[in-house]
Amino acid sequence: AVADALLDPGMGELVWVDSGAGRPHVLSVDGLFCRRLGER
């Protein structure tokens, strides 16, 4: 499930947004990517 999520373009977009969208910072465990990953 994690491998599938990492290959999903939609999840990639969530990582991009959660990581600062061009202004990098550490992903928050409360961000959309981590929440969706938990759901998946």
Full PDB file with SEQRES, HELIX, SHEET, SSBOND, CRYST1, ORIGX, SCALE, CONECT and MASTER records, all heavy atoms in Angstrom:
SEQRES   1 A   40  ALA VAL ALA ASP ALA LEU LEU ASP PRO GLY MET GLY GLU          
SEQRES   2 A   40  LEU VAL TRP VAL ASP SER GLY ALA GLY ARG PRO HIS VAL          
SEQRES   3 A   40  LEU SER VAL ASP GLY LEU PHE CYS ARG ARG LEU GLY GLU          
SEQRES   4 A   40  ARG                                                          
HELIX    1 AA1 VAL A    2  LEU A    7  1                                   6    
HELIX    2 AA2 PRO A    9  ASP A   18  1                                  10    
HELIX    3 AA3 LEU A   32  GLU A   39  1                                   8    
CRYST1    1.000    1.000    1.000  90.00  90.00  90.00 P 1           1          
ORIGX1      1.000000  0.000000  0.000000        0.00000                         
ORIGX2      0.000000  1.000000  0.000000        0.00000                         
ORIGX3      0.000000  0.000000  1.000000        0.00000                         
SCALE1      1.000000  0.000000  0.000000        0.00000                         
SCALE2      0.000000  1.000000  0.000000        0.00000                         
SCALE3      0.000000  0.000000  1.000000        0.00000                         
ATOM      1  N   ALA A   1       0.827  -1.209   0.000  1.00  0.00           N  
ATOM      2  CA  ALA A   1       0.000   0.000   0.000  1.00  0.00           C  
ATOM      3  C   ALA A   1       0.860   1.257   0.000  1.00  0.00           C  
ATOM      4  O   ALA A   1       0.553   2.223  -0.702  1.00  0.00           O  
ATOM      5  CB  ALA A   1      -0.937   0.005   1.202  1.00  0.00           C  
ATOM      6  N   VAL A   2       1.943   1.260   0.761  1.00  0.00           N  
ATOM      7  CA  VAL A   2       2.840   2.423   0.788  1.00  0.00           C  
ATOM      8  C   VAL A   2       3.515   2.589  -0.567  1.00  0.00           C  
ATOM      9  O   VAL A   2       3.589   3.698  -1.101  1.00  0.00           O  
ATOM     10  CB  VAL A   2       3.886   2.297   1.919  1.00  0.00           C  
ATOM     11  CG1 VAL A   2       4.971   3.361   1.785  1.00  0.00           C  
ATOM     12  CG2 VAL A   2       3.203   2.408   3.272  1.00  0.00           C  
ATOM     13  N   ALA A   3       4.005   1.504  -1.147  1.00  0.00           N  
ATOM     14  CA  ALA A   3       4.641   1.576  -2.463  1.00  0.00           C  
ATOM     15  C   ALA A   3       3.660   2.092  -3.505  1.00  0.00           C  
ATOM     16  O   ALA A   3       4.006   2.943  -4.331  1.00  0.00           O  
ATOM     17  CB  ALA A   3       5.180   0.207  -2.866  1.00  0.00           C  
ATOM     18  N   ASP A   4       2.431   1.603  -3.462  1.00  0.00           N  
ATOM     19  CA  ASP A   4       1.393   2.070  -4.392  1.00  0.00           C  
ATOM     20  C   ASP A   4       1.133   3.563  -4.198  1.00  0.00           C  
ATOM     21  O   ASP A   4       1.026   4.310  -5.163  1.00  0.00           O  
ATOM     22  CB  ASP A   4       0.115   1.269  -4.178  1.00  0.00           C  
ATOM     23  CG  ASP A   4      -0.970   1.655  -5.157  1.00  0.00           C  
ATOM     24  OD1 ASP A   4      -0.694   1.622  -6.382  1.00  0.00           O  
ATOM     25  OD2 ASP A   4      -2.075   2.000  -4.708  1.00  0.00           O  
ATOM     26  N   ALA A   5       1.077   4.001  -2.951  1.00  0.00           N  
ATOM     27  CA  ALA A   5       0.829   5.413  -2.660  1.00  0.00           C  
ATOM     28  C   ALA A   5       1.966   6.285  -3.173  1.00  0.00           C  
ATOM     29  O   ALA A   5       1.739   7.377  -3.704  1.00  0.00           O  
ATOM     30  CB  ALA A   5       0.642   5.627  -1.160  1.00  0.00           C  
ATOM     31  N   LEU A   6       3.193   5.821  -3.030  1.00  0.00           N  
ATOM     32  CA  LEU A   6       4.339   6.614  -3.467  1.00  0.00           C  
ATOM     33  C   LEU A   6       4.405   6.738  -4.988  1.00  0.00           C  
ATOM     34  O   LEU A   6       5.005   7.681  -5.507  1.00  0.00           O  
ATOM     35  CB  LEU A   6       5.634   6.015  -2.920  1.00  0.00           C  
ATOM     36  CG  LEU A   6       5.772   6.084  -1.394  1.00  0.00           C  
ATOM     37  CD1 LEU A   6       7.029   5.356  -0.954  1.00  0.00           C  
ATOM     38  CD2 LEU A   6       5.774   7.519  -0.902  1.00  0.00           C  
ATOM     39  N   LEU A   7       3.794   5.794  -5.692  1.00  0.00           N  
ATOM     40  CA  LEU A   7       3.770   5.852  -7.158  1.00  0.00           C  
ATOM     41  C   LEU A   7       2.553   6.597  -7.698  1.00  0.00           C  
ATOM     42  O   LEU A   7       2.507   6.904  -8.889  1.00  0.00           O  
ATOM     43  CB  LEU A   7       3.806   4.432  -7.727  1.00  0.00           C  
ATOM     44  CG  LEU A   7       5.093   3.660  -7.460  1.00  0.00           C  
ATOM     45  CD1 LEU A   7       4.943   2.215  -7.906  1.00  0.00           C  
ATOM     46  CD2 LEU A   7       6.271   4.326  -8.157  1.00  0.00           C  
ATOM     47  N   ASP A   8       1.604   6.902  -6.855  1.00  0.00           N  
ATOM     48  CA  ASP A   8       0.368   7.577  -7.260  1.00  0.00           C  
ATOM     49  C   ASP A   8       0.635   9.075  -7.466  1.00  0.00           C  
ATOM     50  O   ASP A   8       1.065   9.760  -6.540  1.00  0.00           O  
ATOM     51  CB  ASP A   8      -0.676   7.377  -6.164  1.00  0.00           C  
ATOM     52  CG  ASP A   8      -2.017   8.000  -6.487  1.00  0.00           C  
ATOM     53  OD1 ASP A   8      -2.076   8.949  -7.297  1.00  0.00           O  
ATOM     54  OD2 ASP A   8      -3.009   7.549  -5.903  1.00  0.00           O  
ATOM     55  N   PRO A   9       0.378   9.597  -8.676  1.00  0.00           N  
ATOM     56  CA  PRO A   9       0.607  11.020  -8.932  1.00  0.00           C  
ATOM     57  C   PRO A   9      -0.184  11.940  -7.990  1.00  0.00           C  
ATOM     58  O   PRO A   9       0.305  13.009  -7.606  1.00  0.00           O  
ATOM     59  CB  PRO A   9       0.164  11.217 -10.383  1.00  0.00           C  
ATOM     60  CG  PRO A   9       0.215   9.864 -10.995  1.00  0.00           C  
ATOM     61  CD  PRO A   9      -0.072   8.893  -9.885  1.00  0.00           C  
ATOM     62  N   GLY A  10      -1.381  11.533  -7.604  1.00  0.00           N  
ATOM     63  CA  GLY A  10      -2.172  12.342  -6.683  1.00  0.00           C  
ATOM     64  C   GLY A  10      -1.508  12.454  -5.322  1.00  0.00           C  
ATOM     65  O   GLY A  10      -1.509  13.519  -4.687  1.00  0.00           O  
ATOM     66  N   MET A  11      -0.923  11.356  -4.863  1.00  0.00           N  
ATOM     67  CA  MET A  11      -0.208  11.381  -3.587  1.00  0.00           C  
ATOM     68  C   MET A  11       1.071  12.208  -3.719  1.00  0.00           C  
ATOM     69  O   MET A  11       1.471  12.905  -2.786  1.00  0.00           O  
ATOM     70  CB  MET A  11       0.114   9.963  -3.119  1.00  0.00           C  
ATOM     71  CG  MET A  11      -1.107   9.148  -2.742  1.00  0.00           C  
ATOM     72  SD  MET A  11      -1.977   9.768  -1.297  1.00  0.00           S  
ATOM     73  CE  MET A  11      -0.936   9.129  -0.005  1.00  0.00           C  
ATOM     74  N   GLY A  12       1.683  12.152  -4.888  1.00  0.00           N  
ATOM     75  CA  GLY A  12       2.864  12.982  -5.136  1.00  0.00           C  
ATOM     76  C   GLY A  12       2.536  14.460  -5.016  1.00  0.00           C  
ATOM     77  O   GLY A  12       3.327  15.245  -4.487  1.00  0.00           O  
ATOM     78  N   GLU A  13       1.368  14.830  -5.486  1.00  0.00           N  
ATOM     79  CA  GLU A  13       0.919  16.219  -5.367  1.00  0.00           C  
ATOM     80  C   GLU A  13       0.733  16.610  -3.902  1.00  0.00           C  
ATOM     81  O   GLU A  13       1.085  17.718  -3.493  1.00  0.00           O  
ATOM     82  CB  GLU A  13      -0.388  16.418  -6.141  1.00  0.00           C  
ATOM     83  CG  GLU A  13      -0.903  17.828  -6.137  1.00  0.00           C  
ATOM     84  CD  GLU A  13      -0.025  18.810  -6.886  1.00  0.00           C  
ATOM     85  OE1 GLU A  13       0.707  18.399  -7.813  1.00  0.00           O  
ATOM     86  OE2 GLU A  13      -0.046  20.005  -6.531  1.00  0.00           O  
ATOM     87  N   LEU A  14       0.206  15.688  -3.104  1.00  0.00           N  
ATOM     88  CA  LEU A  14       0.044  15.963  -1.674  1.00  0.00           C  
ATOM     89  C   LEU A  14       1.396  16.167  -0.995  1.00  0.00           C  
ATOM     90  O   LEU A  14       1.545  17.048  -0.147  1.00  0.00           O  
ATOM     91  CB  LEU A  14      -0.721  14.838  -0.988  1.00  0.00           C  
ATOM     92  CG  LEU A  14      -2.180  14.663  -1.383  1.00  0.00           C  
ATOM     93  CD1 LEU A  14      -2.791  13.481  -0.652  1.00  0.00           C  
ATOM     94  CD2 LEU A  14      -2.973  15.927  -1.132  1.00  0.00           C  
ATOM     95  N   VAL A  15       2.388  15.360  -1.372  1.00  0.00           N  
ATOM     96  CA  VAL A  15       3.734  15.539  -0.823  1.00  0.00           C  
ATOM     97  C   VAL A  15       4.262  16.907  -1.207  1.00  0.00           C  
ATOM     98  O   VAL A  15       4.844  17.627  -0.391  1.00  0.00           O  
ATOM     99  CB  VAL A  15       4.695  14.426  -1.306  1.00  0.00           C  
ATOM    100  CG1 VAL A  15       6.128  14.753  -0.948  1.00  0.00           C  
ATOM    101  CG2 VAL A  15       4.299  13.091  -0.727  1.00  0.00           C  
ATOM    102  N   TRP A  16       4.077  17.296  -2.462  1.00  0.00           N  
ATOM    103  CA  TRP A  16       4.535  18.598  -2.949  1.00  0.00           C  
ATOM    104  C   TRP A  16       3.916  19.726  -2.116  1.00  0.00           C  
ATOM    105  O   TRP A  16       4.614  20.616  -1.638  1.00  0.00           O  
ATOM    106  CB  TRP A  16       4.183  18.745  -4.423  1.00  0.00           C  
ATOM    107  CG  TRP A  16       4.411  20.114  -4.988  1.00  0.00           C  
ATOM    108  CD1 TRP A  16       3.455  21.011  -5.335  1.00  0.00           C  
ATOM    109  CD2 TRP A  16       5.657  20.727  -5.280  1.00  0.00           C  
ATOM    110  NE1 TRP A  16       4.028  22.154  -5.810  1.00  0.00           N  
ATOM    111  CE2 TRP A  16       5.384  22.007  -5.788  1.00  0.00           C  
ATOM    112  CE3 TRP A  16       6.975  20.336  -5.147  1.00  0.00           C  
ATOM    113  CZ2 TRP A  16       6.391  22.892  -6.174  1.00  0.00           C  
ATOM    114  CZ3 TRP A  16       7.980  21.211  -5.529  1.00  0.00           C  
ATOM    115  CH2 TRP A  16       7.686  22.473  -6.034  1.00  0.00           C  
ATOM    116  N   VAL A  17       2.629  19.668  -1.913  1.00  0.00           N  
ATOM    117  CA  VAL A  17       1.938  20.709  -1.140  1.00  0.00           C  
ATOM    118  C   VAL A  17       2.384  20.685   0.321  1.00  0.00           C  
ATOM    119  O   VAL A  17       2.729  21.723   0.897  1.00  0.00           O  
ATOM    120  CB  VAL A  17       0.405  20.549  -1.253  1.00  0.00           C  
ATOM    121  CG1 VAL A  17      -0.321  21.470  -0.290  1.00  0.00           C  
ATOM    122  CG2 VAL A  17      -0.048  20.800  -2.687  1.00  0.00           C  
ATOM    123  N   ASP A  18       2.391  19.504   0.926  1.00  0.00           N  
ATOM    124  CA  ASP A  18       2.749  19.378   2.342  1.00  0.00           C  
ATOM    125  C   ASP A  18       4.198  19.759   2.626  1.00  0.00           C  
ATOM    126  O   ASP A  18       4.530  20.173   3.730  1.00  0.00           O  
ATOM    127  CB  ASP A  18       2.512  17.959   2.846  1.00  0.00           C  
ATOM    128  CG  ASP A  18       1.047  17.656   3.115  1.00  0.00           C  
ATOM    129  OD1 ASP A  18       0.214  18.578   3.011  1.00  0.00           O  
ATOM    130  OD2 ASP A  18       0.747  16.490   3.428  1.00  0.00           O  
ATOM    131  N   SER A  19       5.074  19.617   1.629  1.00  0.00           N  
ATOM    132  CA  SER A  19       6.491  19.922   1.851  1.00  0.00           C  
ATOM    133  C   SER A  19       6.831  21.368   1.527  1.00  0.00           C  
ATOM    134  O   SER A  19       7.985  21.753   1.523  1.00  0.00           O  
ATOM    135  CB  SER A  19       7.378  18.986   1.039  1.00  0.00           C  
ATOM    136  OG  SER A  19       7.227  19.245  -0.345  1.00  0.00           O  
ATOM    137  N   GLY A  20       5.835  22.183   1.256  1.00  0.00           N  
ATOM    138  CA  GLY A  20       6.074  23.602   1.055  1.00  0.00           C  
ATOM    139  C   GLY A  20       5.964  24.079  -0.381  1.00  0.00           C  
ATOM    140  O   GLY A  20       6.181  25.258  -0.647  1.00  0.00           O  
ATOM    141  N   ALA A  21       5.661  23.197  -1.302  1.00  0.00           N  
ATOM    142  CA  ALA A  21       5.451  23.551  -2.712  1.00  0.00           C  
ATOM    143  C   ALA A  21       6.523  24.506  -3.235  1.00  0.00           C  
ATOM    144  O   ALA A  21       6.246  25.593  -3.708  1.00  0.00           O  
ATOM    145  CB  ALA A  21       4.061  24.147  -2.904  1.00  0.00           C  
ATOM    146  N   GLY A  22       7.772  24.089  -3.142  1.00  0.00           N  
ATOM    147  CA  GLY A  22       8.864  24.904  -3.663  1.00  0.00           C  
ATOM    148  C   GLY A  22       9.670  25.579  -2.561  1.00  0.00           C  
ATOM    149  O   GLY A  22      10.767  26.070  -2.804  1.00  0.00           O  
ATOM    150  N   ARG A  23       9.125  25.623  -1.373  1.00  0.00           N  
ATOM    151  CA  ARG A  23       9.852  26.143  -0.204  1.00  0.00           C  
ATOM    152  C   ARG A  23       9.946  24.990   0.797  1.00  0.00           C  
ATOM    153  O   ARG A  23       9.154  24.910   1.739  1.00  0.00           O  
ATOM    154  CB  ARG A  23       9.118  27.330   0.410  1.00  0.00           C  
ATOM    155  CG  ARG A  23       9.195  28.554  -0.486  1.00  0.00           C  
ATOM    156  CD  ARG A  23       8.577  29.744   0.186  1.00  0.00           C  
ATOM    157  NE  ARG A  23       7.302  29.965  -0.491  1.00  0.00           N  
ATOM    158  CZ  ARG A  23       6.212  30.410   0.088  1.00  0.00           C  
ATOM    159  NH1 ARG A  23       6.206  30.686   1.358  1.00  0.00           N  
ATOM    160  NH2 ARG A  23       5.127  30.598  -0.609  1.00  0.00           N  
ATOM    161  N   PRO A  24      10.887  24.069   0.561  1.00  0.00           N  
ATOM    162  CA  PRO A  24      10.924  22.808   1.310  1.00  0.00           C  
ATOM    163  C   PRO A  24      10.986  22.964   2.833  1.00  0.00           C  
ATOM    164  O   PRO A  24      11.672  23.812   3.361  1.00  0.00           O  
ATOM    165  CB  PRO A  24      12.200  22.139   0.816  1.00  0.00           C  
ATOM    166  CG  PRO A  24      12.528  22.804  -0.463  1.00  0.00           C  
ATOM    167  CD  PRO A  24      11.976  24.189  -0.370  1.00  0.00           C  
ATOM    168  N   HIS A  25      10.218  22.111   3.476  1.00  0.00           N  
ATOM    169  CA  HIS A  25      10.293  21.925   4.919  1.00  0.00           C  
ATOM    170  C   HIS A  25       9.869  20.496   5.234  1.00  0.00           C  
ATOM    171  O   HIS A  25       9.366  19.787   4.377  1.00  0.00           O  
ATOM    172  CB  HIS A  25       9.456  22.963   5.684  1.00  0.00           C  
ATOM    173  CG  HIS A  25       7.986  22.905   5.406  1.00  0.00           C  
ATOM    174  ND1 HIS A  25       7.403  23.625   4.399  1.00  0.00           N  
ATOM    175  CD2 HIS A  25       6.994  22.210   5.993  1.00  0.00           C  
ATOM    176  CE1 HIS A  25       6.092  23.379   4.387  1.00  0.00           C  
ATOM    177  NE2 HIS A  25       5.833  22.522   5.345  1.00  0.00           N  
ATOM    178  N   VAL A  26      10.079  20.077   6.442  1.00  0.00           N  
ATOM    179  CA  VAL A  26       9.785  18.702   6.853  1.00  0.00           C  
ATOM    180  C   VAL A  26       8.284  18.442   6.773  1.00  0.00           C  
ATOM    181  O   VAL A  26       7.477  19.284   7.167  1.00  0.00           O  
ATOM    182  CB  VAL A  26      10.282  18.470   8.295  1.00  0.00           C  
ATOM    183  CG1 VAL A  26       9.925  17.075   8.781  1.00  0.00           C  
ATOM    184  CG2 VAL A  26      11.776  18.700   8.378  1.00  0.00           C  
ATOM    185  N   LEU A  27       7.939  17.263   6.263  1.00  0.00           N  
ATOM    186  CA  LEU A  27       6.530  16.876   6.206  1.00  0.00           C  
ATOM    187  C   LEU A  27       5.957  16.749   7.612  1.00  0.00           C  
ATOM    188  O   LEU A  27       6.588  16.161   8.495  1.00  0.00           O  
ATOM    189  CB  LEU A  27       6.362  15.528   5.503  1.00  0.00           C  
ATOM    190  CG  LEU A  27       6.520  15.495   4.001  1.00  0.00           C  
ATOM    191  CD1 LEU A  27       6.433  14.059   3.506  1.00  0.00           C  
ATOM    192  CD2 LEU A  27       5.493  16.342   3.320  1.00  0.00           C  
ATOM    193  N   SER A  28       4.785  17.265   7.803  1.00  0.00           N  
ATOM    194  CA  SER A  28       4.099  17.149   9.088  1.00  0.00           C  
ATOM    195  C   SER A  28       3.312  15.849   9.119  1.00  0.00           C  
ATOM    196  O   SER A  28       2.708  15.462   8.121  1.00  0.00           O  
ATOM    197  CB  SER A  28       3.146  18.326   9.263  1.00  0.00           C  
ATOM    198  OG  SER A  28       2.261  18.093  10.328  1.00  0.00           O  
ATOM    199  N   VAL A  29       3.290  15.207  10.275  1.00  0.00           N  
ATOM    200  CA  VAL A  29       2.483  13.995  10.394  1.00  0.00           C  
ATOM    201  C   VAL A  29       0.999  14.327  10.356  1.00  0.00           C  
ATOM    202  O   VAL A  29       0.167  13.429  10.220  1.00  0.00           O  
ATOM    203  CB  VAL A  29       2.824  13.180  11.664  1.00  0.00           C  
ATOM    204  CG1 VAL A  29       4.223  12.642  11.588  1.00  0.00           C  
ATOM    205  CG2 VAL A  29       2.614  13.987  12.914  1.00  0.00           C  
ATOM    206  N   ASP A  30       0.665  15.605  10.471  1.00  0.00           N  
ATOM    207  CA  ASP A  30      -0.733  16.037  10.386  1.00  0.00           C  
ATOM    208  C   ASP A  30      -1.109  16.492   8.983  1.00  0.00           C  
ATOM    209  O   ASP A  30      -2.235  16.908   8.752  1.00  0.00           O  
ATOM    210  CB  ASP A  30      -1.001  17.185  11.363  1.00  0.00           C  
ATOM    211  CG  ASP A  30      -0.942  16.714  12.805  1.00  0.00           C  
ATOM    212  OD1 ASP A  30      -1.382  15.585  13.071  1.00  0.00           O  
ATOM    213  OD2 ASP A  30      -0.456  17.480  13.648  1.00  0.00           O  
ATOM    214  N   GLY A  31      -0.160  16.428   8.047  1.00  0.00           N  
ATOM    215  CA  GLY A  31      -0.421  16.879   6.686  1.00  0.00           C  
ATOM    216  C   GLY A  31      -1.324  15.935   5.915  1.00  0.00           C  
ATOM    217  O   GLY A  31      -1.605  14.809   6.341  1.00  0.00           O  
ATOM    218  N   LEU A  32      -1.773  16.397   4.771  1.00  0.00           N  
ATOM    219  CA  LEU A  32      -2.672  15.591   3.939  1.00  0.00           C  
ATOM    220  C   LEU A  32      -2.036  14.278   3.494  1.00  0.00           C  
ATOM    221  O   LEU A  32      -2.684  13.240   3.492  1.00  0.00           O  
ATOM    222  CB  LEU A  32      -3.108  16.391   2.713  1.00  0.00           C  
ATOM    223  CG  LEU A  32      -4.119  17.495   2.954  1.00  0.00           C  
ATOM    224  CD1 LEU A  32      -4.342  18.300   1.680  1.00  0.00           C  
ATOM    225  CD2 LEU A  32      -5.424  16.907   3.440  1.00  0.00           C  
ATOM    226  N   PHE A  33      -0.763  14.327   3.103  1.00  0.00           N  
ATOM    227  CA  PHE A  33      -0.112  13.105   2.633  1.00  0.00           C  
ATOM    228  C   PHE A  33      -0.114  12.028   3.712  1.00  0.00           C  
ATOM    229  O   PHE A  33      -0.503  10.889   3.466  1.00  0.00           O  
ATOM    230  CB  PHE A  33       1.317  13.378   2.170  1.00  0.00           C  
ATOM    231  CG  PHE A  33       2.058  12.115   1.830  1.00  0.00           C  
ATOM    232  CD1 PHE A  33       1.802  11.453   0.642  1.00  0.00           C  
ATOM    233  CD2 PHE A  33       2.994  11.581   2.703  1.00  0.00           C  
ATOM    234  CE1 PHE A  33       2.460  10.270   0.329  1.00  0.00           C  
ATOM    235  CE2 PHE A  33       3.660  10.404   2.394  1.00  0.00           C  
ATOM    236  CZ  PHE A  33       3.395   9.756   1.205  1.00  0.00           C  
ATOM    237  N   CYS A  34       0.323  12.374   4.904  1.00  0.00           N  
ATOM    238  CA  CYS A  34       0.397  11.373   5.982  1.00  0.00           C  
ATOM    239  C   CYS A  34      -0.984  10.866   6.377  1.00  0.00           C  
ATOM    240  O   CYS A  34      -1.155   9.678   6.652  1.00  0.00           O  
ATOM    241  CB  CYS A  34       1.134  11.952   7.184  1.00  0.00           C  
ATOM    242  SG  CYS A  34       2.896  12.189   6.859  1.00  0.00           S  
ATOM    243  N   ARG A  35      -1.971  11.755   6.383  1.00  0.00           N  
ATOM    244  CA  ARG A  35      -3.332  11.308   6.707  1.00  0.00           C  
ATOM    245  C   ARG A  35      -3.859  10.353   5.650  1.00  0.00           C  
ATOM    246  O   ARG A  35      -4.426   9.303   5.955  1.00  0.00           O  
ATOM    247  CB  ARG A  35      -4.264  12.503   6.864  1.00  0.00           C  
ATOM    248  CG  ARG A  35      -4.091  13.157   8.233  1.00  0.00           C  
ATOM    249  CD  ARG A  35      -5.134  14.195   8.472  1.00  0.00           C  
ATOM    250  NE  ARG A  35      -4.582  15.455   7.973  1.00  0.00           N  
ATOM    251  CZ  ARG A  35      -5.276  16.474   7.523  1.00  0.00           C  
ATOM    252  NH1 ARG A  35      -6.579  16.417   7.479  1.00  0.00           N  
ATOM    253  NH2 ARG A  35      -4.690  17.564   7.111  1.00  0.00           N  
ATOM    254  N   ARG A  36      -3.668  10.697   4.370  1.00  0.00           N  
ATOM    255  CA  ARG A  36      -4.147   9.822   3.284  1.00  0.00           C  
ATOM    256  C   ARG A  36      -3.388   8.497   3.261  1.00  0.00           C  
ATOM    257  O   ARG A  36      -3.962   7.452   2.985  1.00  0.00           O  
ATOM    258  CB  ARG A  36      -4.009  10.513   1.932  1.00  0.00           C  
ATOM    259  CG  ARG A  36      -4.894  11.703   1.780  1.00  0.00           C  
ATOM    260  CD  ARG A  36      -6.222  11.345   1.119  1.00  0.00           C  
ATOM    261  NE  ARG A  36      -7.137  12.453   1.188  1.00  0.00           N  
ATOM    262  CZ  ARG A  36      -7.144  13.493   0.363  1.00  0.00           C  
ATOM    263  NH1 ARG A  36      -6.269  13.569  -0.609  1.00  0.00           N  
ATOM    264  NH2 ARG A  36      -8.015  14.459   0.523  1.00  0.00           N  
ATOM    265  N   LEU A  37      -2.084   8.566   3.550  1.00  0.00           N  
ATOM    266  CA  LEU A  37      -1.298   7.336   3.594  1.00  0.00           C  
ATOM    267  C   LEU A  37      -1.835   6.417   4.681  1.00  0.00           C  
ATOM    268  O   LEU A  37      -2.001   5.214   4.464  1.00  0.00           O  
ATOM    269  CB  LEU A  37       0.175   7.655   3.836  1.00  0.00           C  
ATOM    270  CG  LEU A  37       1.139   6.482   3.818  1.00  0.00           C  
ATOM    271  CD1 LEU A  37       1.077   5.760   2.481  1.00  0.00           C  
ATOM    272  CD2 LEU A  37       2.538   6.952   4.127  1.00  0.00           C  
ATOM    273  N   GLY A  38      -2.148   6.964   5.840  1.00  0.00           N  
ATOM    274  CA  GLY A  38      -2.743   6.177   6.916  1.00  0.00           C  
ATOM    275  C   GLY A  38      -4.057   5.549   6.496  1.00  0.00           C  
ATOM    276  O   GLY A  38      -4.339   4.389   6.810  1.00  0.00           O  
ATOM    277  N   GLU A  39      -4.868   6.306   5.760  1.00  0.00           N  
ATOM    278  CA  GLU A  39      -6.137   5.771   5.265  1.00  0.00           C  
ATOM    279  C   GLU A  39      -5.904   4.625   4.291  1.00  0.00           C  
ATOM    280  O   GLU A  39      -6.606   3.608   4.332  1.00  0.00           O  
ATOM    281  CB  GLU A  39      -6.940   6.868   4.573  1.00  0.00           C  
ATOM    282  CG  GLU A  39      -7.466   7.942   5.500  1.00  0.00           C  
ATOM    283  CD  GLU A  39      -8.018   9.146   4.745  1.00  0.00           C  
ATOM    284  OE1 GLU A  39      -8.101   9.106   3.497  1.00  0.00           O  
ATOM    285  OE2 GLU A  39      -8.341  10.134   5.419  1.00  0.00           O  
ATOM    286  N   ARG A  40      -4.916   4.794   3.413  1.00  0.00           N  
ATOM    287  CA  ARG A  40      -4.660   3.778   2.393  1.00  0.00           C  
ATOM    288  C   ARG A  40      -4.156   2.473   2.984  1.00  0.00           C  
ATOM    289  O   ARG A  40      -4.432   1.400   2.455  1.00  0.00           O  
ATOM    290  CB  ARG A  40      -3.667   4.292   1.350  1.00  0.00           C  
ATOM    291  CG  ARG A  40      -4.313   5.283   0.415  1.00  0.00           C  
ATOM    292  CD  ARG A  40      -3.342   5.805  -0.575  1.00  0.00           C  
ATOM    293  NE  ARG A  40      -3.270   4.937  -1.728  1.00  0.00           N  
ATOM    294  CZ  ARG A  40      -3.022   5.361  -2.947  1.00  0.00           C  
ATOM    295  NH1 ARG A  40      -2.828   6.642  -3.176  1.00  0.00           N  
ATOM    296  NH2 ARG A  40      -2.957   4.526  -3.947  1.00  0.00           N  
TER     297      ARG A  40                                                      
MASTER        0    0    0    3    0    0    0    6  296    1    0    4          
END                                                                             
